[in-house]
Amino acid sequence: MRHVPSPPDWLATQSAANASNPFLYLEHEQLTFGEVEAMVGHACLFLQAAVPTMKGHNTAIWNTDPKLTVILLLACARLGWPATVLPPALPSAALARRIVQVPLTVLLFGAGEGPDEAYSRMFDGAVEQVAVELPVVDSDSSAPVWRQPNAHMAGDPDLDWTQGWVFTSGTTGSPKAITVTFGNLLWSTAASGYRLGYRVSDCWLHCMPLHHIGGLALLFRSLIFGFSLCMRSRFDHHEARDLMERGAVTHAAFVPTMLVRLLNANLDLNAPGQRFRTVLAGGAKVTESLRSECREHGLDVVASYGMTESCSHIAAERPGRTSSSGEGPALRHAGIQIRNVDGEHLPAGHQGTIWIRGPQLSSSCELDGQGWFRTGDWGMLDDNGSVHVLDRQDGVFVSGGENVSSRHVAESLMELPEIEHAWVTGVPDREWGHRVVAVLQPFANRVPDEHTLRHKLRTRLAVHEVPKRFVWVDSLPRTELGKVDTATARQLAEELQQ
């Protein structure tokens, strides 16, 4: 029998082996692998009937319901339709910048949730717009469902098959569409699991959007390893604290801002017999003071380093480590190098541009002749091979003839009790080359005396690193994933100089 190449169907594999195991814990519903399998099968039948084959199947999913988004993503994966998830709340101009990068032919949305007329006009006649309302089915239903022939039994899944596209976070400019293959997801999952030690009994708190690589990768990790997800459409620090303290979840993936909010909500995991094990932290630097405070609250934080192009993290600490201040060594089958401006490899302890390599890298990456990708991040490796991310390379600037790391200055500011969050940049200046400007969010909106603040900073920073100007805000501008919106923050800093 000739096997037709097809993408891997990890849901079918889990359903065949573990149909009754829990897969999704939603806010008002629990679903097993078998129940999700039945829903995905029905969705495949519906989509095949609703979408003309001659149009092609490059698909966008526009929806606010996490359950429906998961079902549609997995249905597209089974059908072999490359898919991207669009954030429904995006302004029209931001949406337009995304859809022009992907050759879309199909737009799927929940019944009653489709784009309004203004948005619909962006999707010209070449894009088939389909409203989807899934029927209520169960894993014992005798109704027909659709499965890719030999998808999980043939032994020859096509790992180069495109799963879809994920857009970069856009913290330093316009979001860029990154191609993600099933092979990227598999290599990333295997390497992450080897480092973190996934178990079938794990339950991860999933509150990252599925249109971000962190949210998408975690969904596919659960399918490959068979652990469950407690999925929420947004992060609520009070609910997260309760889930963690009572052992409803064993792991979570957070950005540092989420950790701070959990600690402010008096998270306490020091009670004997705690089931919660580890937080995988990424998206920004986890400062040593934040690590220390997390340990005091019984929270094991595993710092990581990655990006959309590397299909989530490509480096991570080992769970239980308490001595490192970096983001950990490269994952298995991946590599990290530090190079100078001439592209020469630098030894441990020397700062330079971070380059990465590995099978999880997207085909969208521009690689050198040896398969290395220049990240644009600035950092170093220590003697143990752990990468220390110091800044975006464009965050290292020269002021008065001296190099200034905006991340280092921001971390020093956040060690002060008066400052809750800080972002630092270099604003072009005729006298200094760049003037150091800090955008600051004070604790409890109480702006401290700037003279006193500078005096404290001079005990922590070199003279040329102390900010020349402070911009005070009620809250730092952020992207929907919690990262600082650097374009908006930079605009605030530059407006002060004018």
Protein backbone atom coordinates (compact mmCIF):
# COMPACT_ATOMS: atom_id res chain seq x y z
CA MET A 1 0.00 0.00 0.00
CA ARG A 2 1.42 3.36 -1.02
CA HIS A 3 1.48 5.92 1.77
CA VAL A 4 0.64 9.48 0.83
CA PRO A 5 2.87 12.01 2.64
CA SER A 6 0.92 13.89 5.28
CA PRO A 7 1.60 15.96 8.39
CA PRO A 8 1.91 14.10 11.70
CA ASP A 9 -1.33 13.75 13.67
CA TRP A 10 -0.27 13.81 17.31
CA LEU A 11 -3.85 14.22 18.52
CA ALA A 12 -4.85 10.96 16.81
CA THR A 13 -1.89 9.23 18.45
CA GLN A 14 -2.83 10.45 21.93
CA SER A 15 -6.51 9.66 21.39
CA ALA A 16 -5.71 6.12 20.25
CA ALA A 17 -3.52 5.45 23.29
CA ASN A 18 -5.02 7.69 26.00
CA ALA A 19 -8.55 8.64 24.94
CA SER A 20 -9.83 9.04 28.51
CA ASN A 21 -6.87 11.09 29.75
CA PRO A 22 -7.56 14.77 30.47
CA PHE A 23 -6.37 17.17 27.80
CA LEU A 24 -7.99 20.59 28.35
CA TYR A 25 -9.23 22.13 31.57
CA LEU A 26 -11.20 25.16 30.40
CA GLU A 27 -12.95 27.71 32.60
CA HIS A 28 -16.28 25.86 32.56
CA GLU A 29 -15.47 22.53 30.92
CA GLN A 30 -13.04 19.62 30.95
CA LEU A 31 -12.18 17.68 27.79
CA THR A 32 -10.29 14.43 27.28
CA PHE A 33 -8.08 13.61 24.31
CA GLY A 34 -10.88 11.42 22.98
CA GLU A 35 -13.47 14.18 23.23
CA VAL A 36 -11.23 16.67 21.45
CA GLU A 37 -10.49 14.02 18.82
CA ALA A 38 -14.22 13.69 18.09
CA MET A 39 -14.66 17.47 17.83
CA VAL A 40 -11.68 17.82 15.51
CA GLY A 41 -13.02 15.01 13.31
CA HIS A 42 -16.37 16.77 12.94
CA ALA A 43 -14.62 20.08 12.28
CA CYS A 44 -12.63 18.46 9.45
CA LEU A 45 -15.83 17.23 7.81
CA PHE A 46 -17.38 20.68 8.09
CA LEU A 47 -14.32 22.50 6.71
CA GLN A 48 -13.93 20.17 3.76
CA ALA A 49 -17.56 20.77 2.80
CA ALA A 50 -17.45 24.53 3.41
CA VAL A 51 -14.19 25.51 1.70
CA PRO A 52 -13.74 25.08 -2.07
CA THR A 53 -10.58 23.10 -2.75
CA MET A 54 -9.56 25.17 -5.77
CA LYS A 55 -8.91 28.20 -3.58
CA GLY A 56 -6.08 26.61 -1.58
CA HIS A 57 -6.06 26.32 2.18
CA ASN A 58 -3.78 28.94 3.73
CA THR A 59 -5.96 29.66 6.73
CA ALA A 60 -6.40 32.44 9.27
CA ILE A 61 -8.36 31.83 12.49
CA TRP A 62 -10.13 34.83 14.00
CA ASN A 63 -11.82 33.97 17.26
CA THR A 64 -11.99 34.83 20.97
CA ASP A 65 -13.02 31.40 22.32
CA PRO A 66 -9.92 29.33 23.26
CA LYS A 67 -11.79 26.03 22.83
CA LEU A 68 -12.92 26.77 19.29
CA THR A 69 -9.49 28.14 18.38
CA VAL A 70 -7.82 24.92 19.56
CA ILE A 71 -10.32 22.76 17.65
CA LEU A 72 -9.84 24.75 14.45
CA LEU A 73 -6.04 24.75 14.78
CA LEU A 74 -5.98 20.98 15.22
CA ALA A 75 -8.48 20.45 12.40
CA CYS A 76 -6.31 22.52 10.07
CA ALA A 77 -3.26 20.54 11.20
CA ARG A 78 -5.02 17.25 10.41
CA LEU A 79 -6.18 18.48 7.01
CA GLY A 80 -2.71 19.80 6.23
CA TRP A 81 -3.93 23.40 5.98
CA PRO A 82 -1.26 25.90 7.10
CA ALA A 83 -2.89 28.18 9.68
CA THR A 84 -2.23 31.38 11.58
CA VAL A 85 -4.20 32.76 14.51
CA LEU A 86 -5.08 36.46 14.27
CA PRO A 87 -5.67 38.51 17.45
CA PRO A 88 -9.30 39.74 17.13
CA ALA A 89 -8.56 42.92 19.10
CA LEU A 90 -5.90 44.18 16.68
CA PRO A 91 -6.50 47.66 15.23
CA SER A 92 -7.23 47.54 11.51
CA ALA A 93 -3.87 49.06 10.54
CA ALA A 94 -1.96 46.46 12.58
CA LEU A 95 -4.06 43.65 11.11
CA ALA A 96 -3.39 44.91 7.59
CA ARG A 97 0.38 44.78 8.21
CA ARG A 98 0.05 41.11 9.12
CA ILE A 99 -2.25 39.74 6.46
CA VAL A 100 -0.20 41.17 3.59
CA GLN A 101 2.70 38.93 4.70
CA VAL A 102 0.78 35.64 4.44
CA PRO A 103 -0.94 34.32 1.26
CA LEU A 104 -4.30 33.72 2.95
CA THR A 105 -7.15 31.99 1.13
CA VAL A 106 -9.44 31.06 4.05
CA LEU A 107 -10.67 33.01 7.10
CA LEU A 108 -12.37 30.99 9.86
CA PHE A 109 -14.25 32.63 12.71
CA GLY A 110 -16.75 31.69 15.37
CA ALA A 111 -20.41 32.13 14.49
CA GLY A 112 -21.40 35.66 15.52
CA GLU A 113 -17.77 36.72 15.99
CA GLY A 114 -16.62 37.52 12.48
CA PRO A 115 -14.87 40.71 11.41
CA ASP A 116 -17.04 43.75 10.84
CA GLU A 117 -17.52 45.26 7.40
CA ALA A 118 -14.41 47.44 7.61
CA TYR A 119 -12.24 44.46 8.54
CA SER A 120 -13.92 42.19 5.99
CA ARG A 121 -12.90 44.52 3.18
CA MET A 122 -9.25 43.76 3.99
CA PHE A 123 -9.85 40.15 3.01
CA ASP A 124 -10.55 40.52 -0.69
CA GLY A 125 -12.55 38.10 -2.82
CA ALA A 126 -9.66 35.63 -2.88
CA VAL A 127 -10.25 34.87 0.81
CA GLU A 128 -13.16 32.55 1.64
CA GLN A 129 -14.78 33.71 4.91
CA VAL A 130 -16.39 30.87 6.86
CA ALA A 131 -18.35 31.05 10.13
CA VAL A 132 -17.86 27.94 12.27
CA GLU A 133 -20.11 26.61 15.02
CA LEU A 134 -19.03 23.24 16.34
CA PRO A 135 -21.66 20.66 17.25
CA VAL A 136 -21.67 19.10 20.70
CA VAL A 137 -20.15 15.63 20.29
CA ASP A 138 -18.51 13.07 22.53
CA SER A 139 -15.84 10.45 22.03
CA ASP A 140 -18.45 7.65 21.86
CA SER A 141 -20.42 9.29 19.06
CA SER A 142 -21.13 7.05 16.07
CA ALA A 143 -21.35 10.04 13.72
CA PRO A 144 -18.76 9.98 10.92
CA VAL A 145 -15.53 11.88 11.46
CA TRP A 146 -12.68 12.63 9.10
CA ARG A 147 -9.15 11.34 9.59
CA GLN A 148 -6.10 11.76 7.43
CA PRO A 149 -5.51 8.32 5.86
CA ASN A 150 -2.63 6.56 7.64
CA ALA A 151 -1.82 9.83 9.42
CA HIS A 152 -0.51 8.37 12.64
CA MET A 153 0.15 4.80 11.53
CA ALA A 154 2.06 5.16 8.27
CA GLY A 155 5.37 5.94 9.93
CA ASP A 156 6.27 8.52 7.29
CA PRO A 157 4.79 11.84 8.42
CA ASP A 158 6.17 14.84 6.58
CA LEU A 159 7.90 16.94 9.23
CA ASP A 160 8.69 19.64 6.67
CA TRP A 161 4.97 20.26 6.25
CA THR A 162 4.10 23.84 7.21
CA GLN A 163 1.94 24.01 10.32
CA GLY A 164 1.43 27.72 9.78
CA TRP A 165 2.78 31.15 10.58
CA VAL A 166 3.37 32.98 13.83
CA PHE A 167 4.12 36.68 14.01
CA THR A 168 6.97 38.04 16.07
CA SER A 169 5.94 40.09 19.09
CA GLY A 170 6.78 43.36 17.37
CA THR A 171 8.49 44.85 20.42
CA THR A 172 11.17 46.46 18.25
CA GLY A 173 9.19 47.12 15.08
CA SER A 174 6.44 45.70 12.89
CA PRO A 175 5.59 42.03 13.52
CA LYS A 176 7.10 39.64 10.99
CA ALA A 177 5.50 36.40 9.79
CA ILE A 178 7.61 33.37 10.73
CA THR A 179 6.97 29.98 9.10
CA VAL A 180 6.57 27.08 11.55
CA THR A 181 6.79 23.46 10.40
CA PHE A 182 5.74 20.32 12.26
CA GLY A 183 9.43 19.45 12.42
CA ASN A 184 10.19 22.75 14.17
CA LEU A 185 7.52 21.95 16.75
CA LEU A 186 8.73 18.37 17.26
CA TRP A 187 12.41 19.29 17.68
CA SER A 188 11.53 22.14 20.03
CA THR A 189 9.27 19.89 22.11
CA ALA A 190 11.79 17.04 22.33
CA ALA A 191 14.62 19.34 23.40
CA SER A 192 12.45 21.20 25.91
CA GLY A 193 11.13 17.95 27.37
CA TYR A 194 14.65 16.55 27.75
CA ARG A 195 15.70 19.65 29.71
CA LEU A 196 12.55 20.13 31.83
CA GLY A 197 11.45 16.51 32.28
CA TYR A 198 7.83 16.44 31.08
CA ARG A 199 5.49 13.79 32.52
CA VAL A 200 2.07 12.58 31.40
CA SER A 201 0.75 13.55 34.85
CA ASP A 202 1.82 17.19 34.39
CA CYS A 203 -0.73 19.95 34.02
CA TRP A 204 0.50 23.26 32.62
CA LEU A 205 -1.25 26.56 33.20
CA HIS A 206 -1.68 27.91 29.66
CA CYS A 207 -2.61 31.59 29.60
CA MET A 208 -0.56 32.73 26.61
CA PRO A 209 -2.35 33.67 23.39
CA LEU A 210 -2.29 31.01 20.68
CA HIS A 211 -1.15 33.63 18.18
CA HIS A 212 2.17 33.81 20.05
CA ILE A 213 4.79 31.10 19.66
CA GLY A 214 4.81 30.39 23.40
CA GLY A 215 1.10 29.58 23.40
CA LEU A 216 1.20 27.58 20.16
CA ALA A 217 4.29 25.56 21.13
CA LEU A 218 2.85 24.64 24.54
CA LEU A 219 -0.32 23.32 22.88
CA PHE A 220 1.69 21.00 20.62
CA ARG A 221 3.97 19.92 23.48
CA SER A 222 0.92 18.66 25.34
CA LEU A 223 -0.14 16.68 22.26
CA ILE A 224 3.29 15.12 21.78
CA PHE A 225 3.96 14.26 25.44
CA GLY A 226 0.35 13.69 26.53
CA PHE A 227 0.17 16.07 29.49
CA SER A 228 -2.85 18.29 30.15
CA LEU A 229 -3.38 22.03 29.89
CA CYS A 230 -5.35 24.33 32.17
CA MET A 231 -6.20 26.85 29.48
CA ARG A 232 -7.29 30.41 30.14
CA SER A 233 -7.90 33.24 27.68
CA ARG A 234 -6.05 35.72 29.89
CA PHE A 235 -3.72 35.83 32.88
CA ASP A 236 -5.41 36.54 36.20
CA HIS A 237 -2.84 36.59 39.00
CA HIS A 238 -5.37 35.78 41.72
CA GLU A 239 -6.70 32.73 39.86
CA ALA A 240 -3.17 31.64 38.93
CA ARG A 241 -2.11 31.87 42.58
CA ASP A 242 -5.08 29.74 43.67
CA LEU A 243 -4.48 27.11 40.97
CA MET A 244 -0.81 26.86 41.90
CA GLU A 245 -1.33 26.77 45.66
CA ARG A 246 -3.97 24.04 45.59
CA GLY A 247 -1.99 21.90 43.12
CA ALA A 248 -4.45 22.12 40.24
CA VAL A 249 -1.45 22.81 37.97
CA THR A 250 2.14 21.58 38.16
CA HIS A 251 3.84 24.02 35.76
CA ALA A 252 3.34 27.41 34.19
CA ALA A 253 4.99 29.56 31.54
CA PHE A 254 5.17 33.23 32.57
CA VAL A 255 6.93 36.45 31.68
CA PRO A 256 8.58 38.26 34.64
CA THR A 257 5.72 40.76 34.88
CA MET A 258 3.37 37.88 35.70
CA LEU A 259 5.76 36.66 38.42
CA VAL A 260 5.79 40.09 40.04
CA ARG A 261 1.99 40.17 40.09
CA LEU A 262 1.86 36.70 41.64
CA LEU A 263 4.24 37.73 44.40
CA ASN A 264 2.20 40.87 45.01
CA ALA A 265 -0.83 38.56 45.40
CA ASN A 266 1.04 36.80 48.27
CA LEU A 267 1.72 33.51 46.48
CA ASP A 268 3.00 30.92 48.97
CA LEU A 269 4.19 27.48 47.83
CA ASN A 270 6.17 26.61 50.96
CA ALA A 271 3.54 24.25 52.41
CA PRO A 272 4.63 20.57 52.60
CA GLY A 273 3.51 18.29 49.77
CA GLN A 274 3.10 21.02 47.17
CA ARG A 275 2.31 19.58 43.73
CA PHE A 276 3.40 22.65 41.76
CA ARG A 277 6.95 22.23 40.44
CA THR A 278 8.28 24.83 38.02
CA VAL A 279 7.69 28.13 36.25
CA LEU A 280 9.32 28.45 32.84
CA ALA A 281 10.13 32.16 32.57
CA GLY A 282 10.94 33.95 29.33
CA GLY A 283 10.21 37.01 27.25
CA ALA A 284 12.40 39.26 29.41
CA LYS A 285 15.27 39.05 31.88
CA VAL A 286 14.53 37.49 35.27
CA THR A 287 16.54 39.65 37.66
CA GLU A 288 18.45 38.08 40.53
CA SER A 289 16.33 39.96 43.06
CA LEU A 290 13.15 38.54 41.48
CA ARG A 291 14.63 35.02 41.50
CA SER A 292 15.50 35.39 45.17
CA GLU A 293 12.03 36.61 46.07
CA CYS A 294 10.45 33.73 44.14
CA ARG A 295 12.60 31.22 46.05
CA GLU A 296 11.43 32.76 49.33
CA HIS A 297 7.85 32.05 48.22
CA GLY A 298 8.72 28.43 47.33
CA LEU A 299 8.69 29.01 43.58
CA ASP A 300 11.27 27.31 41.34
CA VAL A 301 11.83 29.62 38.36
CA VAL A 302 13.59 28.23 35.28
CA ALA A 303 14.85 31.10 33.14
CA SER A 304 14.90 30.55 29.39
CA TYR A 305 15.90 32.24 26.16
CA GLY A 306 14.20 32.00 22.82
CA MET A 307 12.17 33.74 20.16
CA THR A 308 9.56 33.11 17.52
CA GLU A 309 12.26 32.13 15.02
CA SER A 310 13.47 29.32 17.33
CA CYS A 311 9.94 27.99 17.96
CA SER A 312 9.99 29.16 21.60
CA HIS A 313 12.97 28.65 23.92
CA ILE A 314 16.28 27.33 22.62
CA ALA A 315 18.09 27.63 25.97
CA ALA A 316 16.85 27.03 29.50
CA GLU A 317 18.14 26.41 32.98
CA ARG A 318 17.76 23.02 34.60
CA PRO A 319 14.96 22.84 37.20
CA GLY A 320 16.13 23.19 40.78
CA ARG A 321 19.20 25.28 40.00
CA THR A 322 19.67 28.20 42.39
CA SER A 323 23.12 29.54 41.51
CA SER A 324 22.78 30.72 37.91
CA SER A 325 21.86 34.25 36.89
CA GLY A 326 21.73 33.43 33.19
CA GLU A 327 19.15 31.85 30.91
CA GLY A 328 20.75 28.40 30.86
CA PRO A 329 22.72 26.41 28.28
CA ALA A 330 21.47 25.58 24.80
CA LEU A 331 18.94 22.77 24.58
CA ARG A 332 19.87 19.40 23.14
CA HIS A 333 20.80 19.44 19.42
CA ALA A 334 20.96 23.26 19.52
CA GLY A 335 23.92 25.60 19.79
CA ILE A 336 24.71 29.12 20.96
CA GLN A 337 27.73 31.21 20.01
CA ILE A 338 28.89 34.71 20.85
CA ARG A 339 30.50 36.63 17.99
CA ASN A 340 32.07 40.05 17.59
CA VAL A 341 31.19 42.61 14.92
CA ASP A 342 33.49 40.83 12.45
CA GLY A 343 31.66 37.53 12.96
CA GLU A 344 34.52 35.96 14.94
CA HIS A 345 33.67 33.43 17.65
CA LEU A 346 34.32 34.81 21.17
CA PRO A 347 35.27 32.72 24.24
CA ALA A 348 33.34 32.52 27.51
CA GLY A 349 33.09 35.76 29.44
CA HIS A 350 33.26 38.01 26.38
CA GLN A 351 30.25 40.02 25.27
CA GLY A 352 28.99 40.08 21.71
CA THR A 353 26.11 39.21 19.41
CA ILE A 354 24.22 35.98 20.19
CA TRP A 355 24.03 33.47 17.33
CA ILE A 356 21.92 30.30 17.52
CA ARG A 357 21.65 27.05 15.57
CA GLY A 358 19.35 24.04 15.72
CA PRO A 359 16.67 21.99 13.93
CA GLN A 360 13.91 24.03 15.58
CA LEU A 361 14.92 27.16 13.65
CA SER A 362 12.34 28.39 11.16
CA SER A 363 13.03 28.38 7.44
CA SER A 364 12.25 32.11 7.65
CA CYS A 365 15.66 32.62 9.30
CA GLU A 366 18.54 33.90 7.21
CA LEU A 367 21.40 31.56 8.12
CA ASP A 368 25.11 31.81 7.49
CA GLY A 369 27.04 29.09 5.68
CA GLN A 370 27.24 26.92 8.82
CA GLY A 371 23.54 27.18 9.67
CA TRP A 372 23.84 29.88 12.36
CA PHE A 373 21.24 32.63 12.85
CA ARG A 374 22.16 36.11 14.07
CA THR A 375 19.60 37.03 16.73
CA GLY A 376 20.29 40.71 17.24
CA ASP A 377 20.60 40.07 20.99
CA TRP A 378 23.68 41.05 22.98
CA GLY A 379 25.10 38.72 25.62
CA MET A 380 27.79 36.28 26.68
CA LEU A 381 28.37 32.67 27.67
CA ASP A 382 29.75 31.79 31.10
CA ASP A 383 32.19 28.97 31.85
CA ASN A 384 29.28 26.52 32.28
CA GLY A 385 27.88 27.29 28.83
CA SER A 386 24.91 29.25 30.15
CA VAL A 387 23.87 32.19 27.99
CA HIS A 388 23.45 35.56 29.69
CA VAL A 389 21.24 37.84 27.63
CA LEU A 390 22.28 41.40 28.38
CA ASP A 391 20.20 43.37 25.92
CA ARG A 392 18.90 43.66 22.43
CA GLN A 393 21.92 44.61 20.36
CA ASP A 394 20.15 47.82 19.45
CA GLY A 395 19.78 48.37 23.22
CA VAL A 396 23.56 48.73 23.63
CA PHE A 397 24.40 52.31 22.80
CA VAL A 398 27.28 54.74 23.26
CA SER A 399 26.95 57.72 25.58
CA GLY A 400 29.90 60.03 26.05
CA GLY A 401 32.19 57.49 24.38
CA GLU A 402 31.17 54.67 26.76
CA ASN A 403 28.99 51.62 26.06
CA VAL A 404 25.69 51.55 27.97
CA SER A 405 23.48 48.46 28.30
CA SER A 406 19.88 49.62 28.64
CA ARG A 407 18.94 46.30 30.28
CA HIS A 408 21.65 46.61 32.94
CA VAL A 409 20.52 50.15 33.81
CA ALA A 410 16.86 49.06 33.94
CA GLU A 411 17.67 46.12 36.23
CA SER A 412 19.60 48.43 38.57
CA LEU A 413 16.63 50.79 38.70
CA MET A 414 14.22 47.95 39.52
CA GLU A 415 16.39 46.90 42.45
CA LEU A 416 15.42 50.17 44.13
CA PRO A 417 12.32 50.00 46.36
CA GLU A 418 10.82 53.09 44.71
CA ILE A 419 10.70 51.57 41.19
CA GLU A 420 8.30 48.82 40.13
CA HIS A 421 9.13 48.68 36.40
CA ALA A 422 11.76 50.39 34.26
CA TRP A 423 12.69 50.66 30.61
CA VAL A 424 15.81 52.45 29.43
CA THR A 425 16.97 53.70 26.05
CA GLY A 426 19.51 55.99 24.46
CA VAL A 427 17.99 59.05 22.82
CA PRO A 428 20.20 60.72 20.16
CA ASP A 429 21.93 63.74 21.66
CA ARG A 430 24.33 66.27 20.09
CA GLU A 431 26.55 66.45 23.16
CA TRP A 432 26.60 62.86 24.39
CA GLY A 433 25.92 60.90 21.21
CA HIS A 434 23.09 59.29 23.15
CA ARG A 435 21.48 60.58 26.32
CA VAL A 436 20.40 57.89 28.81
CA VAL A 437 16.64 58.18 29.41
CA ALA A 438 14.60 55.96 31.74
CA VAL A 439 10.84 55.44 31.48
CA LEU A 440 9.73 54.51 34.99
CA GLN A 441 6.66 53.13 36.73
CA PRO A 442 6.95 53.92 40.46
CA PHE A 443 5.47 51.78 43.20
CA ALA A 444 1.95 52.87 44.17
CA ASN A 445 2.25 55.77 41.68
CA ARG A 446 4.43 57.66 44.16
CA VAL A 447 7.08 59.53 42.19
CA PRO A 448 10.29 59.71 44.26
CA ASP A 449 12.67 62.64 44.47
CA GLU A 450 14.89 62.48 41.38
CA HIS A 451 17.96 63.87 43.15
CA THR A 452 17.74 61.09 45.76
CA LEU A 453 17.17 58.53 43.02
CA ARG A 454 20.32 59.56 41.14
CA HIS A 455 22.33 59.48 44.36
CA LYS A 456 21.28 55.84 44.93
CA LEU A 457 22.04 54.92 41.32
CA ARG A 458 25.59 56.28 41.56
CA THR A 459 26.33 53.51 44.09
CA ARG A 460 25.22 50.90 41.54
CA LEU A 461 26.12 52.31 38.13
CA ALA A 462 29.02 54.00 36.41
CA VAL A 463 28.62 57.75 35.99
CA HIS A 464 27.91 57.46 32.27
CA GLU A 465 25.14 54.88 32.94
CA VAL A 466 23.05 57.04 35.29
CA PRO A 467 19.99 58.33 33.37
CA LYS A 468 20.08 61.99 32.46
CA ARG A 469 16.27 62.13 32.26
CA PHE A 470 13.38 60.27 33.89
CA VAL A 471 9.93 59.83 32.35
CA TRP A 472 7.25 58.89 34.90
CA VAL A 473 4.22 56.85 33.81
CA ASP A 474 1.32 55.18 35.61
CA SER A 475 2.21 51.93 33.84
CA LEU A 476 4.73 50.96 31.18
CA PRO A 477 3.18 50.41 27.73
CA ARG A 478 3.06 46.68 27.02
CA THR A 479 2.18 44.24 24.28
CA GLU A 480 -0.65 41.78 24.89
CA LEU A 481 1.87 39.16 26.08
CA GLY A 482 3.19 41.46 28.79
CA LYS A 483 6.44 42.54 27.14
CA VAL A 484 7.32 46.22 27.10
CA ASP A 485 6.06 47.89 23.93
CA THR A 486 9.42 49.40 23.07
CA ALA A 487 8.15 51.47 20.15
CA THR A 488 5.68 53.33 22.40
CA ALA A 489 8.16 53.57 25.28
CA ARG A 490 10.82 54.99 22.96
CA GLN A 491 8.33 57.56 21.69
CA LEU A 492 7.70 58.68 25.28
CA ALA A 493 11.44 59.02 25.87
CA GLU A 494 12.05 60.94 22.64
CA GLU A 495 9.13 63.32 23.20
CA LEU A 496 10.73 64.42 26.45
CA GLN A 497 13.88 65.43 24.59
CA GLN A 498 12.05 67.66 22.12
